[in-house]
């Protein structure tokens, strides 16, 4: 059985669980010993990154590297198209999430608590997130539908984070119609729906505690 080091609210740990669910794999999930970034955990995973996966003697950290490994190790059901060009486009979609959209969201994390709230930062990041969503919409229009795949797995979780942070941070996000349609399509994928069912309450609880909204 695979061992996954993860923490419940982590966006990239949730992304990996979508891959695991799609592949119908069994895994056990462990918190990093000593907590995220601890010296004890870095004795296991030198980078301290989450998630990390142990498969026999093989240890890999980084959600995308793990996902690529799982796609090769457990090819059915596939998460990459057959055609070389389509595989490249699917990977491009995933890299856009990890290097463009998600970092624009992550920039808000330092402004979530009520004592560190930064209205100017929130406004700037709202504009950047809206720009990134517009770029994603144009990417989705640029070619034929690829079906659900590896490059899609991070988006449902990032979309859920944007939803969760919009009220407390007063974000103003423009959702292009094409992105809204794309979101609706991927969120009914069984692996995505199952992960969102378990993840959304964790996310809501974390945001409520961090923003001071919890009772």
N, C-alpha and C. Protein backbone atom coordinates (compact mmCIF):
# COMPACT_ATOMS: atom_id res chain seq x y z
N UNK A 1 0.84 -1.20 0.00
CA UNK A 1 0.00 0.00 0.00
C UNK A 1 0.88 1.25 0.00
N UNK A 2 0.46 2.25 -0.73
CA UNK A 2 1.17 3.52 -0.77
C UNK A 2 1.02 4.26 0.55
N UNK A 3 2.07 4.96 0.95
CA UNK A 3 2.02 5.85 2.10
C UNK A 3 2.17 7.28 1.61
N UNK A 4 1.25 8.13 2.02
CA UNK A 4 1.26 9.53 1.63
C UNK A 4 1.42 10.39 2.88
N UNK A 5 2.44 11.24 2.87
CA UNK A 5 2.59 12.25 3.93
C UNK A 5 1.82 13.49 3.49
N UNK A 6 0.90 13.92 4.34
CA UNK A 6 0.00 15.02 3.95
C UNK A 6 -0.56 15.68 5.19
N UNK A 7 -1.09 16.90 5.00
CA UNK A 7 -1.87 17.57 6.03
C UNK A 7 -3.23 17.91 5.43
N UNK A 8 -4.30 17.85 6.21
CA UNK A 8 -5.65 17.96 5.66
C UNK A 8 -5.93 19.19 4.81
N UNK A 9 -5.52 20.43 5.20
CA UNK A 9 -5.92 21.59 4.40
C UNK A 9 -5.09 21.80 3.12
N UNK A 10 -4.00 21.07 2.96
CA UNK A 10 -3.07 21.34 1.86
C UNK A 10 -3.72 21.18 0.49
N UNK A 11 -3.60 22.21 -0.32
CA UNK A 11 -4.14 22.20 -1.67
C UNK A 11 -3.50 21.10 -2.51
N UNK A 12 -2.17 21.00 -2.44
CA UNK A 12 -1.48 20.04 -3.29
C UNK A 12 -1.66 18.61 -2.80
N UNK A 13 -1.90 18.42 -1.52
CA UNK A 13 -2.23 17.08 -1.03
C UNK A 13 -3.60 16.66 -1.56
N UNK A 14 -4.54 17.59 -1.59
CA UNK A 14 -5.87 17.30 -2.15
C UNK A 14 -5.77 17.00 -3.64
N UNK A 15 -4.94 17.75 -4.35
CA UNK A 15 -4.72 17.49 -5.77
C UNK A 15 -4.24 16.06 -5.98
N UNK A 16 -3.28 15.62 -5.15
CA UNK A 16 -2.78 14.25 -5.28
C UNK A 16 -3.85 13.23 -4.98
N UNK A 17 -4.69 13.51 -3.98
CA UNK A 17 -5.75 12.54 -3.66
C UNK A 17 -6.72 12.36 -4.82
N UNK A 18 -6.93 13.38 -5.63
CA UNK A 18 -7.77 13.22 -6.82
C UNK A 18 -7.13 12.21 -7.77
N UNK A 19 -5.83 12.29 -7.94
CA UNK A 19 -5.12 11.31 -8.79
C UNK A 19 -5.27 9.91 -8.21
N UNK A 20 -5.05 9.76 -6.91
CA UNK A 20 -5.16 8.46 -6.27
C UNK A 20 -6.57 7.89 -6.40
N UNK A 21 -7.56 8.74 -6.21
CA UNK A 21 -8.95 8.28 -6.33
C UNK A 21 -9.26 7.86 -7.77
N UNK A 22 -8.80 8.64 -8.74
CA UNK A 22 -9.06 8.31 -10.14
C UNK A 22 -8.44 6.96 -10.50
N UNK A 23 -7.27 6.69 -9.95
CA UNK A 23 -6.57 5.44 -10.23
C UNK A 23 -7.10 4.27 -9.40
N UNK A 24 -8.06 4.53 -8.51
CA UNK A 24 -8.64 3.50 -7.65
C UNK A 24 -7.57 2.81 -6.81
N UNK A 25 -6.62 3.61 -6.31
CA UNK A 25 -5.52 3.08 -5.51
C UNK A 25 -5.84 3.16 -4.02
N UNK A 26 -5.28 2.25 -3.28
CA UNK A 26 -5.38 2.28 -1.82
C UNK A 26 -4.14 2.98 -1.27
N UNK A 27 -4.33 3.79 -0.24
CA UNK A 27 -3.19 4.45 0.38
C UNK A 27 -3.51 4.71 1.84
N UNK A 28 -2.46 4.87 2.62
CA UNK A 28 -2.61 5.34 3.99
C UNK A 28 -1.98 6.72 4.07
N UNK A 29 -2.59 7.58 4.84
CA UNK A 29 -2.15 8.98 4.92
C UNK A 29 -1.62 9.26 6.32
N UNK A 30 -0.41 9.81 6.37
CA UNK A 30 0.23 10.12 7.64
C UNK A 30 0.58 11.61 7.70
N UNK A 31 0.45 12.22 8.88
CA UNK A 31 0.94 13.60 9.02
C UNK A 31 2.46 13.58 9.06
N UNK A 32 3.11 14.66 8.65
CA UNK A 32 4.57 14.71 8.74
C UNK A 32 5.00 14.68 10.20
N UNK A 33 5.90 13.79 10.58
CA UNK A 33 6.34 13.75 12.00
C UNK A 33 6.89 15.10 12.44
N UNK A 34 6.39 15.58 13.54
CA UNK A 34 6.84 16.88 14.05
C UNK A 34 6.16 18.06 13.39
N UNK A 35 5.31 17.81 12.39
CA UNK A 35 4.62 18.90 11.71
C UNK A 35 5.31 19.30 10.41
N UNK A 36 4.59 20.07 9.61
CA UNK A 36 5.10 20.51 8.32
C UNK A 36 6.37 21.35 8.50
N UNK A 37 7.43 20.98 7.76
CA UNK A 37 8.68 21.73 7.82
C UNK A 37 9.57 21.40 8.99
N UNK A 38 9.18 20.42 9.80
CA UNK A 38 9.95 20.10 11.00
C UNK A 38 11.27 19.40 10.65
N UNK A 39 12.20 19.47 11.58
CA UNK A 39 13.47 18.77 11.40
C UNK A 39 13.25 17.27 11.31
N UNK A 40 12.29 16.75 12.09
CA UNK A 40 12.01 15.32 12.07
C UNK A 40 11.51 14.89 10.70
N UNK A 41 10.63 15.69 10.11
CA UNK A 41 10.12 15.34 8.78
C UNK A 41 11.21 15.44 7.73
N UNK A 42 12.08 16.42 7.86
CA UNK A 42 13.17 16.58 6.89
C UNK A 42 14.20 15.46 6.98
N UNK A 43 14.18 14.71 8.06
CA UNK A 43 15.01 13.51 8.11
C UNK A 43 14.45 12.42 7.19
N UNK A 44 13.15 12.51 6.89
CA UNK A 44 12.52 11.56 5.98
C UNK A 44 12.50 12.11 4.56
N UNK A 45 12.03 13.36 4.44
CA UNK A 45 11.93 14.05 3.14
C UNK A 45 12.83 15.28 3.22
N UNK A 46 13.96 15.23 2.55
CA UNK A 46 14.98 16.26 2.72
C UNK A 46 14.46 17.66 2.43
N UNK A 47 13.60 17.80 1.42
CA UNK A 47 13.07 19.12 1.05
C UNK A 47 12.02 19.62 2.03
N UNK A 48 11.42 18.70 2.79
CA UNK A 48 10.33 19.08 3.68
C UNK A 48 9.01 19.29 2.96
N UNK A 49 8.97 19.00 1.65
CA UNK A 49 7.76 19.26 0.85
C UNK A 49 6.62 18.30 1.19
N UNK A 50 5.42 18.80 1.01
CA UNK A 50 4.20 18.00 1.05
C UNK A 50 3.43 18.22 -0.24
N UNK A 51 2.79 17.15 -0.76
CA UNK A 51 2.81 15.79 -0.24
C UNK A 51 4.10 15.07 -0.60
N UNK A 52 4.30 13.94 0.06
CA UNK A 52 5.36 13.01 -0.31
C UNK A 52 4.75 11.62 -0.32
N UNK A 53 5.34 10.74 -1.13
CA UNK A 53 4.80 9.39 -1.28
C UNK A 53 5.91 8.38 -1.10
N UNK A 54 5.59 7.32 -0.36
CA UNK A 54 6.49 6.19 -0.20
C UNK A 54 5.84 4.98 -0.84
N UNK A 55 6.51 4.42 -1.84
CA UNK A 55 6.04 3.21 -2.52
C UNK A 55 7.16 2.19 -2.45
N UNK A 56 7.10 1.29 -1.48
CA UNK A 56 8.21 0.39 -1.24
C UNK A 56 9.41 1.18 -0.75
N UNK A 57 10.51 1.09 -1.49
CA UNK A 57 11.73 1.84 -1.13
C UNK A 57 11.80 3.19 -1.82
N UNK A 58 10.83 3.50 -2.66
CA UNK A 58 10.85 4.74 -3.43
C UNK A 58 10.14 5.86 -2.68
N UNK A 59 10.86 6.95 -2.46
CA UNK A 59 10.29 8.14 -1.82
C UNK A 59 10.33 9.29 -2.81
N UNK A 60 9.16 9.91 -3.05
CA UNK A 60 9.06 11.05 -3.96
C UNK A 60 8.28 12.15 -3.27
N UNK A 61 8.79 13.38 -3.37
CA UNK A 61 8.07 14.55 -2.87
C UNK A 61 7.78 15.47 -4.04
N UNK A 62 6.63 16.11 -4.04
CA UNK A 62 6.12 17.01 -5.09
C UNK A 62 4.94 16.32 -5.77
N UNK A 63 3.80 16.99 -5.73
CA UNK A 63 2.56 16.39 -6.22
C UNK A 63 2.63 16.03 -7.69
N UNK A 64 3.27 16.88 -8.51
CA UNK A 64 3.31 16.61 -9.94
C UNK A 64 4.22 15.43 -10.25
N UNK A 65 5.37 15.36 -9.57
CA UNK A 65 6.28 14.23 -9.78
C UNK A 65 5.60 12.92 -9.35
N UNK A 66 4.87 12.97 -8.23
CA UNK A 66 4.15 11.77 -7.78
C UNK A 66 3.08 11.38 -8.79
N UNK A 67 2.33 12.36 -9.28
CA UNK A 67 1.27 12.08 -10.24
C UNK A 67 1.82 11.46 -11.51
N UNK A 68 2.93 11.98 -12.00
CA UNK A 68 3.55 11.43 -13.21
C UNK A 68 4.01 9.99 -12.96
N UNK A 69 4.58 9.74 -11.80
CA UNK A 69 4.99 8.38 -11.44
C UNK A 69 3.79 7.44 -11.41
N UNK A 70 2.72 7.87 -10.76
CA UNK A 70 1.54 7.02 -10.66
C UNK A 70 0.93 6.74 -12.04
N UNK A 71 1.00 7.73 -12.93
CA UNK A 71 0.47 7.52 -14.28
C UNK A 71 1.26 6.44 -15.02
N UNK A 72 2.57 6.40 -14.81
CA UNK A 72 3.39 5.38 -15.45
C UNK A 72 3.30 4.04 -14.74
N UNK A 73 3.25 4.09 -13.42
CA UNK A 73 3.24 2.84 -12.63
C UNK A 73 1.88 2.17 -12.69
N UNK A 74 0.81 2.96 -12.72
CA UNK A 74 -0.55 2.43 -12.75
C UNK A 74 -1.29 3.11 -13.90
N UNK A 75 -1.07 2.66 -15.13
CA UNK A 75 -1.56 3.40 -16.31
C UNK A 75 -3.07 3.36 -16.53
N UNK A 76 -3.79 2.49 -15.84
CA UNK A 76 -5.24 2.41 -16.01
C UNK A 76 -5.96 2.75 -14.72
N UNK A 77 -7.01 3.55 -14.82
CA UNK A 77 -7.45 4.34 -15.98
C UNK A 77 -6.49 5.51 -16.22
N UNK A 78 -6.29 5.85 -17.49
CA UNK A 78 -5.25 6.85 -17.82
C UNK A 78 -5.65 8.26 -17.43
N UNK A 79 -4.64 9.07 -17.18
CA UNK A 79 -4.83 10.50 -16.93
C UNK A 79 -4.10 11.35 -17.97
N UNK A 80 -3.54 10.71 -18.96
CA UNK A 80 -2.93 11.41 -20.09
C UNK A 80 -3.50 10.87 -21.38
N UNK A 81 -3.76 11.75 -22.37
CA UNK A 81 -4.27 11.29 -23.65
C UNK A 81 -3.23 10.43 -24.38
N UNK A 82 -3.65 9.79 -25.46
CA UNK A 82 -2.73 8.93 -26.21
C UNK A 82 -1.83 9.73 -27.14
N UNK A 83 -2.36 10.74 -27.83
CA UNK A 83 -1.58 11.48 -28.82
C UNK A 83 -0.53 12.34 -28.13
N UNK A 84 0.66 12.39 -28.72
CA UNK A 84 1.77 13.14 -28.14
C UNK A 84 1.41 14.61 -27.95
N UNK A 85 0.80 15.22 -28.97
CA UNK A 85 0.44 16.64 -28.88
C UNK A 85 -0.58 16.88 -27.77
N UNK A 86 -1.54 15.98 -27.63
CA UNK A 86 -2.56 16.13 -26.60
C UNK A 86 -1.95 15.95 -25.21
N UNK A 87 -0.97 15.06 -25.10
CA UNK A 87 -0.30 14.88 -23.81
C UNK A 87 0.45 16.16 -23.42
N UNK A 88 1.06 16.78 -24.42
CA UNK A 88 1.77 18.04 -24.15
C UNK A 88 0.80 19.12 -23.71
N UNK A 89 -0.35 19.21 -24.35
CA UNK A 89 -1.35 20.21 -23.99
C UNK A 89 -1.90 19.96 -22.59
N UNK A 90 -2.09 18.69 -22.24
CA UNK A 90 -2.57 18.37 -20.90
C UNK A 90 -1.55 18.78 -19.85
N UNK A 91 -0.28 18.52 -20.12
CA UNK A 91 0.77 18.93 -19.19
C UNK A 91 0.86 20.46 -19.11
N UNK A 92 0.69 21.12 -20.24
CA UNK A 92 0.69 22.59 -20.25
C UNK A 92 -0.40 23.12 -19.33
N UNK A 93 -1.57 22.52 -19.38
CA UNK A 93 -2.68 22.96 -18.54
C UNK A 93 -2.32 22.81 -17.06
N UNK A 94 -1.70 21.70 -16.73
CA UNK A 94 -1.31 21.48 -15.35
C UNK A 94 -0.23 22.45 -14.88
N UNK A 95 0.73 22.73 -15.75
CA UNK A 95 1.79 23.67 -15.38
C UNK A 95 1.24 25.08 -15.22
N UNK A 96 0.24 25.44 -16.01
CA UNK A 96 -0.38 26.76 -15.85
C UNK A 96 -1.00 26.87 -14.46
N UNK A 97 -1.64 25.81 -14.03
CA UNK A 97 -2.21 25.84 -12.67
C UNK A 97 -1.12 26.04 -11.63
N UNK A 98 -0.08 25.22 -11.71
CA UNK A 98 0.94 25.20 -10.65
C UNK A 98 1.84 26.44 -10.65
N UNK A 99 2.05 27.04 -11.82
CA UNK A 99 3.00 28.15 -11.90
C UNK A 99 2.36 29.51 -12.11
N UNK A 100 1.07 29.57 -12.43
CA UNK A 100 0.42 30.85 -12.70
C UNK A 100 -0.81 31.08 -11.80
N UNK A 101 -1.77 30.16 -11.86
CA UNK A 101 -3.02 30.40 -11.12
C UNK A 101 -2.83 30.20 -9.62
N UNK A 102 -2.31 29.06 -9.21
CA UNK A 102 -2.20 28.79 -7.77
C UNK A 102 -1.29 29.77 -7.05
N UNK A 103 -0.14 30.18 -7.62
CA UNK A 103 0.67 31.19 -6.92
C UNK A 103 -0.05 32.51 -6.72
N UNK A 104 -0.94 32.89 -7.65
CA UNK A 104 -1.72 34.12 -7.48
C UNK A 104 -2.68 33.99 -6.30
N UNK A 105 -3.21 32.78 -6.09
CA UNK A 105 -4.04 32.52 -4.91
C UNK A 105 -3.18 32.51 -3.64
N UNK A 106 -2.05 31.83 -3.69
CA UNK A 106 -1.19 31.66 -2.51
C UNK A 106 -0.69 33.00 -1.97
N UNK A 107 -0.56 33.98 -2.84
CA UNK A 107 -0.12 35.31 -2.41
C UNK A 107 -1.08 35.93 -1.40
N UNK A 108 -2.31 35.42 -1.34
CA UNK A 108 -3.30 35.94 -0.40
C UNK A 108 -3.16 35.34 1.00
N UNK A 109 -2.43 34.25 1.13
CA UNK A 109 -2.43 33.52 2.40
C UNK A 109 -1.92 34.37 3.56
N UNK A 110 -1.00 35.29 3.28
CA UNK A 110 -0.49 36.14 4.34
C UNK A 110 -1.44 37.24 4.76
N UNK A 111 -2.58 37.35 4.07
CA UNK A 111 -3.56 38.41 4.36
C UNK A 111 -4.88 37.86 4.86
N UNK A 112 -4.90 36.59 5.27
CA UNK A 112 -6.16 35.97 5.64
C UNK A 112 -6.60 36.35 7.05
N UNK A 113 -5.68 36.34 8.00
CA UNK A 113 -6.03 36.64 9.39
C UNK A 113 -6.52 38.07 9.54
N UNK A 114 -7.47 38.33 10.43
CA UNK A 114 -8.03 39.68 10.59
C UNK A 114 -7.00 40.71 11.01
N UNK A 115 -5.94 40.29 11.70
CA UNK A 115 -4.93 41.24 12.17
C UNK A 115 -3.88 41.55 11.12
N UNK A 116 -3.91 40.82 9.99
CA UNK A 116 -2.93 41.07 8.91
C UNK A 116 -3.64 41.36 7.59
N UNK A 117 -4.91 41.66 7.64
CA UNK A 117 -5.71 41.88 6.44
C UNK A 117 -5.17 43.06 5.65
N UNK A 118 -4.97 42.87 4.36
CA UNK A 118 -4.38 43.89 3.50
C UNK A 118 -5.31 44.10 2.31
N UNK A 119 -6.15 45.13 2.39
CA UNK A 119 -7.16 45.36 1.36
C UNK A 119 -6.53 45.64 0.01
N UNK A 120 -5.40 46.36 0.00
CA UNK A 120 -4.74 46.67 -1.28
C UNK A 120 -4.20 45.40 -1.92
N UNK A 121 -3.60 44.52 -1.12
CA UNK A 121 -3.12 43.24 -1.65
C UNK A 121 -4.27 42.41 -2.18
N UNK A 122 -5.36 42.36 -1.43
CA UNK A 122 -6.51 41.57 -1.87
C UNK A 122 -7.06 42.09 -3.20
N UNK A 123 -7.09 43.40 -3.37
CA UNK A 123 -7.56 43.98 -4.63
C UNK A 123 -6.62 43.63 -5.77
N UNK A 124 -5.31 43.73 -5.52
CA UNK A 124 -4.33 43.40 -6.57
C UNK A 124 -4.45 41.93 -6.97
N UNK A 125 -4.55 41.06 -5.98
CA UNK A 125 -4.61 39.64 -6.29
C UNK A 125 -5.95 39.26 -6.93
N UNK A 126 -7.01 39.97 -6.60
CA UNK A 126 -8.28 39.75 -7.30
C UNK A 126 -8.10 40.01 -8.79
N UNK A 127 -7.41 41.10 -9.12
CA UNK A 127 -7.19 41.42 -10.54
C UNK A 127 -6.30 40.39 -11.20
N UNK A 128 -5.27 39.94 -10.50
CA UNK A 128 -4.36 38.94 -11.07
C UNK A 128 -5.07 37.60 -11.25
N UNK A 129 -5.84 37.19 -10.24
CA UNK A 129 -6.58 35.94 -10.37
C UNK A 129 -7.57 36.01 -11.53
N UNK A 130 -8.25 37.14 -11.67
CA UNK A 130 -9.18 37.30 -12.79
C UNK A 130 -8.45 37.23 -14.13
N UNK A 131 -7.26 37.83 -14.17
CA UNK A 131 -6.47 37.75 -15.40
C UNK A 131 -6.06 36.31 -15.69
N UNK A 132 -5.63 35.59 -14.66
CA UNK A 132 -5.22 34.20 -14.86
C UNK A 132 -6.40 33.34 -15.31
N UNK A 133 -7.57 33.58 -14.74
CA UNK A 133 -8.76 32.83 -15.17
C UNK A 133 -9.11 33.15 -16.61
N UNK A 134 -8.93 34.40 -17.01
CA UNK A 134 -9.16 34.76 -18.40
C UNK A 134 -8.18 34.05 -19.33
N UNK A 135 -6.92 33.95 -18.91
CA UNK A 135 -5.92 33.24 -19.71
C UNK A 135 -6.28 31.76 -19.81
N UNK A 136 -6.71 31.17 -18.68
CA UNK A 136 -7.14 29.78 -18.71
C UNK A 136 -8.29 29.58 -19.68
N UNK A 137 -9.24 30.50 -19.66
CA UNK A 137 -10.37 30.40 -20.58
C UNK A 137 -9.92 30.39 -22.03
N UNK A 138 -8.95 31.23 -22.36
CA UNK A 138 -8.45 31.25 -23.74
C UNK A 138 -7.69 29.98 -24.08
N UNK A 139 -6.97 29.43 -23.11
CA UNK A 139 -6.28 28.16 -23.33
C UNK A 139 -7.28 27.04 -23.61
N UNK A 140 -8.37 27.02 -22.87
CA UNK A 140 -9.36 25.98 -23.05
C UNK A 140 -10.03 26.06 -24.41
N UNK A 141 -10.11 27.28 -24.97
CA UNK A 141 -10.73 27.46 -26.28
C UNK A 141 -9.78 27.15 -27.44
N UNK A 142 -8.50 27.00 -27.13
CA UNK A 142 -7.49 26.93 -28.18
C UNK A 142 -7.44 25.58 -28.90
N UNK A 143 -8.06 24.57 -28.33
CA UNK A 143 -8.00 23.26 -28.97
C UNK A 143 -9.20 22.42 -28.57
N UNK A 144 -9.31 21.22 -29.12
CA UNK A 144 -10.44 20.34 -28.78
C UNK A 144 -10.36 19.89 -27.33
N UNK A 145 -11.52 19.53 -26.78
CA UNK A 145 -11.57 19.06 -25.40
C UNK A 145 -10.71 17.81 -25.24
N UNK A 146 -9.92 17.77 -24.19
CA UNK A 146 -9.02 16.65 -23.96
C UNK A 146 -9.63 15.59 -23.05
N UNK A 147 -10.79 15.86 -22.47
CA UNK A 147 -11.29 14.96 -21.45
C UNK A 147 -10.53 15.19 -20.15
N UNK A 148 -11.02 14.59 -19.07
CA UNK A 148 -10.39 14.80 -17.76
C UNK A 148 -9.02 14.13 -17.71
N UNK A 149 -8.04 14.85 -17.14
CA UNK A 149 -6.70 14.30 -17.10
C UNK A 149 -5.83 14.92 -16.04
N UNK A 150 -4.56 14.59 -16.12
CA UNK A 150 -3.58 14.98 -15.12
C UNK A 150 -3.54 16.49 -14.91
N UNK A 151 -3.64 17.25 -15.99
CA UNK A 151 -3.54 18.69 -15.90
C UNK A 151 -4.73 19.36 -15.25
N UNK A 152 -5.80 18.61 -15.03
CA UNK A 152 -7.02 19.17 -14.44
C UNK A 152 -7.09 19.03 -12.92
N UNK A 153 -6.24 18.19 -12.35
CA UNK A 153 -6.46 17.75 -10.96
C UNK A 153 -6.30 18.85 -9.92
N UNK A 154 -5.50 19.88 -10.20
CA UNK A 154 -5.33 20.94 -9.22
C UNK A 154 -6.44 21.97 -9.24
N UNK A 155 -7.10 22.13 -10.38
CA UNK A 155 -8.06 23.23 -10.54
C UNK A 155 -9.25 23.17 -9.59
N UNK A 156 -9.89 22.00 -9.38
CA UNK A 156 -11.06 22.01 -8.50
C UNK A 156 -10.73 22.50 -7.09
N UNK A 157 -9.53 22.19 -6.61
CA UNK A 157 -9.15 22.59 -5.26
C UNK A 157 -8.85 24.09 -5.21
N UNK A 158 -8.15 24.59 -6.20
CA UNK A 158 -7.88 26.03 -6.24
C UNK A 158 -9.18 26.82 -6.40
N UNK A 159 -10.09 26.32 -7.23
CA UNK A 159 -11.40 26.99 -7.37
C UNK A 159 -12.12 27.03 -6.01
N UNK A 160 -12.05 25.92 -5.26
CA UNK A 160 -12.69 25.88 -3.95
C UNK A 160 -12.05 26.89 -2.99
N UNK A 161 -10.73 27.05 -3.06
CA UNK A 161 -10.05 28.05 -2.23
C UNK A 161 -10.49 29.47 -2.60
N UNK A 162 -10.61 29.74 -3.90
CA UNK A 162 -11.05 31.07 -4.32
C UNK A 162 -12.45 31.35 -3.76
N UNK A 163 -13.34 30.36 -3.86
CA UNK A 163 -14.69 30.51 -3.30
C UNK A 163 -14.63 30.81 -1.81
N UNK A 164 -13.80 30.05 -1.09
CA UNK A 164 -13.76 30.15 0.37
C UNK A 164 -13.20 31.49 0.83
N UNK A 165 -12.24 32.04 0.07
CA UNK A 165 -11.61 33.29 0.49
C UNK A 165 -12.33 34.53 -0.03
N UNK A 166 -13.23 34.37 -0.99
CA UNK A 166 -13.89 35.55 -1.57
C UNK A 166 -14.68 36.35 -0.54
N UNK A 167 -15.55 35.75 0.29
CA UNK A 167 -16.30 36.59 1.25
C UNK A 167 -15.41 37.26 2.31
N UNK A 168 -14.54 36.51 3.02
CA UNK A 168 -13.80 37.18 4.09
C UNK A 168 -12.79 38.21 3.59
N UNK A 169 -12.25 38.01 2.39
CA UNK A 169 -11.26 38.95 1.87
C UNK A 169 -11.86 39.96 0.89
N UNK A 170 -13.17 39.89 0.68
CA UNK A 170 -13.87 40.79 -0.25
C UNK A 170 -13.21 40.78 -1.64
N UNK A 171 -12.93 39.58 -2.12
CA UNK A 171 -12.32 39.46 -3.45
C UNK A 171 -13.36 39.77 -4.52
N UNK A 172 -12.89 40.31 -5.62
CA UNK A 172 -13.74 40.57 -6.78
C UNK A 172 -13.16 39.77 -7.94
N UNK A 173 -13.72 38.59 -8.18
CA UNK A 173 -13.17 37.66 -9.17
C UNK A 173 -14.10 37.59 -10.37
N UNK A 174 -13.51 37.73 -11.55
CA UNK A 174 -14.27 37.58 -12.80
C UNK A 174 -14.07 36.16 -13.31
N UNK A 175 -15.18 35.42 -13.37
CA UNK A 175 -15.13 34.03 -13.84
C UNK A 175 -15.62 33.99 -15.29
N UNK A 176 -14.74 33.76 -16.26
CA UNK A 176 -15.19 33.65 -17.65
C UNK A 176 -16.18 32.49 -17.82
N UNK A 177 -17.09 32.65 -18.74
CA UNK A 177 -18.09 31.60 -18.96
C UNK A 177 -17.44 30.26 -19.29
N UNK A 178 -16.38 30.30 -20.10
CA UNK A 178 -15.71 29.05 -20.47
C UNK A 178 -15.09 28.35 -19.29
N UNK A 179 -14.55 29.12 -18.35
CA UNK A 179 -13.96 28.54 -17.15
C UNK A 179 -15.05 27.99 -16.24
N UNK A 180 -16.16 28.71 -16.13
CA UNK A 180 -17.28 28.22 -15.32
C UNK A 180 -17.80 26.89 -15.87
N UNK A 181 -17.89 26.79 -17.20
CA UNK A 181 -18.34 25.54 -17.82
C UNK A 181 -17.33 24.42 -17.60
N UNK A 182 -16.06 24.76 -17.73
CA UNK A 182 -14.99 23.79 -17.48
C UNK A 182 -15.06 23.30 -16.03
N UNK A 183 -15.24 24.22 -15.11
CA UNK A 183 -15.33 23.86 -13.70
C UNK A 183 -16.49 22.90 -13.46
N UNK A 184 -17.63 23.21 -14.01
CA UNK A 184 -18.80 22.34 -13.82
C UNK A 184 -18.54 20.95 -14.38
N UNK A 185 -17.82 20.89 -15.48
CA UNK A 185 -17.54 19.60 -16.12
C UNK A 185 -16.59 18.74 -15.28
N UNK A 186 -15.53 19.34 -14.76
CA UNK A 186 -14.56 18.52 -14.03
C UNK A 186 -15.04 18.18 -12.62
N UNK A 187 -15.91 19.02 -12.05
CA UNK A 187 -16.35 18.76 -10.68
C UNK A 187 -17.32 17.59 -10.57
N UNK A 188 -17.86 17.11 -11.68
CA UNK A 188 -18.71 15.92 -11.62
C UNK A 188 -17.92 14.65 -11.89
N UNK A 189 -16.63 14.77 -12.18
CA UNK A 189 -15.79 13.57 -12.28
C UNK A 189 -15.82 12.87 -10.92
N UNK A 190 -16.01 11.55 -10.88
CA UNK A 190 -16.16 10.87 -9.59
C UNK A 190 -15.02 11.12 -8.61
N UNK A 191 -13.79 11.11 -9.08
CA UNK A 191 -12.65 11.33 -8.18
C UNK A 191 -12.66 12.75 -7.62
N UNK A 192 -13.03 13.70 -8.45
CA UNK A 192 -13.09 15.10 -8.01
C UNK A 192 -14.24 15.30 -7.03
N UNK A 193 -15.41 14.78 -7.38
CA UNK A 193 -16.58 14.94 -6.51
C UNK A 193 -16.32 14.33 -5.14
N UNK A 194 -15.69 13.16 -5.10
CA UNK A 194 -15.42 12.50 -3.83
C UNK A 194 -14.43 13.31 -2.99
N UNK A 195 -13.41 13.85 -3.63
CA UNK A 195 -12.43 14.64 -2.88
C UNK A 195 -13.04 15.94 -2.39
N UNK A 196 -13.82 16.61 -3.22
CA UNK A 196 -14.45 17.86 -2.78
C UNK A 196 -15.42 17.63 -1.62
N UNK A 197 -16.12 16.49 -1.62
CA UNK A 197 -17.04 16.19 -0.53
C UNK A 197 -16.31 16.14 0.81
N UNK A 198 -15.11 15.57 0.81
CA UNK A 198 -14.36 15.46 2.06
C UNK A 198 -13.52 16.70 2.35
N UNK A 199 -13.10 17.39 1.29
CA UNK A 199 -12.16 18.50 1.46
C UNK A 199 -12.85 19.81 1.82
N UNK A 200 -14.00 20.07 1.25
CA UNK A 200 -14.65 21.37 1.48
C UNK A 200 -14.91 21.65 2.96
N UNK A 201 -15.41 20.68 3.75
CA UNK A 201 -15.60 20.98 5.19
C UNK A 201 -14.28 21.30 5.90
N UNK A 202 -13.20 20.62 5.50
CA UNK A 202 -11.89 20.90 6.09
C UNK A 202 -11.45 22.32 5.74
N UNK A 203 -11.63 22.67 4.47
CA UNK A 203 -11.27 24.00 4.01
C UNK A 203 -12.09 25.08 4.72
N UNK A 204 -13.41 24.87 4.81
CA UNK A 204 -14.26 25.85 5.48
C UNK A 204 -13.84 26.03 6.94
N UNK A 205 -13.54 24.92 7.62
CA UNK A 205 -13.13 25.02 9.01
C UNK A 205 -11.83 25.78 9.16
N UNK A 206 -10.87 25.52 8.27
CA UNK A 206 -9.59 26.21 8.34
C UNK A 206 -9.77 27.70 8.09
N UNK A 207 -10.54 28.05 7.08
CA UNK A 207 -10.75 29.47 6.76
C UNK A 207 -11.50 30.17 7.89
N UNK A 208 -12.51 29.52 8.45
CA UNK A 208 -13.26 30.13 9.56
C UNK A 208 -12.35 30.39 10.76
N UNK A 209 -11.51 29.42 11.08
CA UNK A 209 -10.62 29.60 12.23
C UNK A 209 -9.60 30.70 11.96
N UNK A 210 -9.07 30.74 10.75
CA UNK A 210 -8.00 31.68 10.43
C UNK A 210 -8.53 33.10 10.29
N UNK A 211 -9.74 33.25 9.77
CA UNK A 211 -10.32 34.58 9.59
C UNK A 211 -11.03 35.08 10.84
N UNK A 212 -11.17 34.19 11.83
CA UNK A 212 -11.89 34.58 13.04
C UNK A 212 -13.39 34.50 12.88
N UNK A 213 -13.86 33.75 11.85
CA UNK A 213 -15.30 33.66 11.61
C UNK A 213 -15.97 32.58 12.43
N UNK A 214 -15.17 31.65 12.99
CA UNK A 214 -15.76 30.54 13.73
C UNK A 214 -16.28 31.03 15.08
N UNK A 215 -17.29 30.33 15.55
CA UNK A 215 -17.91 30.73 16.84
C UNK A 215 -16.98 30.42 18.00
